[in-house]
């Protein structure tokens, strides 16, 4: 009997290994620590299937582009949401209010955005393997 394949998006959001979708990529699940040195505290290999997470030296430099794209997408989402709820106008400075609120939200969400960008970037290069998932 064939086992059900773990959901792609749920395992991505839970920051699971892209190869088996079971093992945690990060040693601590909470990205919001006061010590910023713990944000990227990752396992070198998946604890379940042994997949290496840093595929080559300097592999994680590409996550800057992913993080930037996520921040832009989040900003577009918030400006549309702000426009629909409050409306935007240069005359009443609502654009500047949105800029301030969006800036604060981006700073608060930055640890999560940096982690999810690493997960997304690794998911671009490593694919789910049913044989590995059976382990």
Protein backbone atom coordinates (compact mmCIF):
# COMPACT_ATOMS: atom_id res chain seq x y z
CA UNK A 1 0.00 0.00 0.00
CA UNK A 2 1.33 3.39 -1.00
CA UNK A 3 1.82 6.00 1.72
CA UNK A 4 0.38 9.46 1.29
CA UNK A 5 2.90 12.06 0.17
CA UNK A 6 3.37 14.91 2.70
CA UNK A 7 1.89 18.21 1.54
CA UNK A 8 4.44 20.44 -0.20
CA UNK A 9 3.25 23.76 1.20
CA UNK A 10 2.66 22.52 4.74
CA UNK A 11 6.11 20.96 4.93
CA UNK A 12 7.59 24.15 3.47
CA UNK A 13 5.83 26.32 6.07
CA UNK A 14 6.79 23.92 8.86
CA UNK A 15 10.40 24.20 7.56
CA UNK A 16 10.87 20.47 7.00
CA UNK A 17 13.54 18.80 4.89
CA UNK A 18 12.64 18.99 1.18
CA UNK A 19 13.83 15.44 0.48
CA UNK A 20 11.84 13.49 3.10
CA UNK A 21 9.53 16.28 4.37
CA UNK A 22 9.84 14.87 7.89
CA UNK A 23 13.05 16.15 9.46
CA UNK A 24 13.35 19.68 10.83
CA UNK A 25 15.80 21.96 9.07
CA UNK A 26 16.38 24.20 12.08
CA UNK A 27 17.48 23.07 15.52
CA UNK A 28 15.01 25.42 17.21
CA UNK A 29 11.57 25.89 15.67
CA UNK A 30 11.16 29.41 17.07
CA UNK A 31 12.75 32.04 14.78
CA UNK A 32 11.99 34.91 17.17
CA UNK A 33 14.91 34.92 19.59
CA UNK A 34 16.42 38.02 21.12
CA UNK A 35 19.83 36.69 20.19
CA UNK A 36 20.08 37.00 16.44
CA UNK A 37 22.84 34.38 16.32
CA UNK A 38 20.24 31.65 16.86
CA UNK A 39 18.13 32.52 13.80
CA UNK A 40 20.20 30.39 11.41
CA UNK A 41 20.98 27.58 13.86
CA UNK A 42 20.45 24.72 11.38
CA UNK A 43 21.28 21.06 11.29
CA UNK A 44 24.06 20.26 8.82
CA UNK A 45 22.14 17.18 7.66
CA UNK A 46 18.51 16.17 7.95
CA UNK A 47 18.02 14.18 11.17
CA UNK A 48 15.68 11.76 9.33
CA UNK A 49 17.13 11.15 5.84
CA UNK A 50 20.64 12.62 6.06
CA UNK A 51 20.17 15.20 3.27
CA UNK A 52 22.91 17.83 3.42
CA UNK A 53 21.39 21.31 3.70
CA UNK A 54 24.31 23.48 2.59
CA UNK A 55 24.84 22.03 -0.88
CA UNK A 56 28.05 23.95 -1.56
CA UNK A 57 30.18 26.67 -0.03
CA UNK A 58 28.33 30.00 -0.19
CA UNK A 59 25.07 28.28 -1.08
CA UNK A 60 22.97 30.52 1.17
CA UNK A 61 24.00 33.78 -0.54
CA UNK A 62 21.15 33.27 -3.02
CA UNK A 63 18.61 33.49 -0.23
CA UNK A 64 19.05 37.25 -0.20
CA UNK A 65 17.18 37.42 -3.51
CA UNK A 66 14.42 35.17 -2.19
CA UNK A 67 14.12 37.24 0.99
CA UNK A 68 13.95 40.44 -1.08
CA UNK A 69 11.18 38.96 -3.28
CA UNK A 70 9.22 37.88 -0.20
CA UNK A 71 9.56 41.35 1.34
CA UNK A 72 8.34 43.00 -1.88
CA UNK A 73 5.41 40.57 -2.14
CA UNK A 74 4.53 41.22 1.52
CA UNK A 75 4.69 44.99 0.93
CA UNK A 76 2.44 44.75 -2.12
CA UNK A 77 -0.01 42.65 -0.10
CA UNK A 78 -0.05 45.15 2.77
CA UNK A 79 -0.50 48.20 0.53
CA UNK A 80 -3.44 46.55 -1.23
CA UNK A 81 -4.95 45.55 2.12
CA UNK A 82 -4.36 49.04 3.54
CA UNK A 83 -5.88 50.64 0.44
CA UNK A 84 -8.98 48.43 0.64
CA UNK A 85 -9.53 49.04 4.36
CA UNK A 86 -8.44 52.66 4.88
CA UNK A 87 -7.85 54.11 1.42
CA UNK A 88 -4.67 55.81 0.22
CA UNK A 89 -4.12 59.48 -0.42
CA UNK A 90 -1.17 61.85 -0.55
CA UNK A 91 -3.33 64.60 0.93
CA UNK A 92 -3.89 62.99 4.31
CA UNK A 93 -0.46 61.30 4.60
CA UNK A 94 -1.97 57.81 4.65
CA UNK A 95 0.84 56.64 2.35
CA UNK A 96 3.37 57.60 5.02
CA UNK A 97 1.35 55.83 7.69
CA UNK A 98 1.36 52.69 5.53
CA UNK A 99 5.12 53.03 5.00
CA UNK A 100 5.68 53.21 8.74
CA UNK A 101 3.40 50.29 9.55
CA UNK A 102 4.85 48.21 6.72
CA UNK A 103 8.40 48.99 7.83
CA UNK A 104 7.67 47.92 11.41
CA UNK A 105 5.97 44.72 10.22
CA UNK A 106 8.94 43.87 7.98
CA UNK A 107 11.39 44.37 10.83
CA UNK A 108 9.29 42.23 13.17
CA UNK A 109 8.83 39.46 10.58
CA UNK A 110 12.44 39.54 9.34
CA UNK A 111 13.66 36.50 11.32
CA UNK A 112 10.82 34.39 9.92
CA UNK A 113 11.35 35.81 6.40
CA UNK A 114 15.05 34.96 6.53
CA UNK A 115 14.32 31.38 7.61
CA UNK A 116 11.55 30.78 5.10
CA UNK A 117 13.76 32.18 2.34
CA UNK A 118 16.37 29.54 3.19
CA UNK A 119 13.72 26.84 3.10
CA UNK A 120 12.31 28.07 -0.23
CA UNK A 121 15.78 28.31 -1.74
CA UNK A 122 16.64 24.75 -0.73
CA UNK A 123 13.29 23.53 -2.07
CA UNK A 124 14.32 24.91 -5.50
CA UNK A 125 17.26 22.50 -5.64
CA UNK A 126 16.27 19.42 -3.60
CA UNK A 127 13.19 17.42 -4.52
CA UNK A 128 10.99 15.01 -2.61
CA UNK A 129 12.17 11.41 -2.79
CA UNK A 130 9.60 8.73 -1.96
CA UNK A 131 12.27 6.09 -1.34
CA UNK A 132 14.02 8.33 1.20
CA UNK A 133 10.74 9.20 2.88
CA UNK A 134 10.17 5.52 3.70
CA UNK A 135 13.19 5.52 6.06
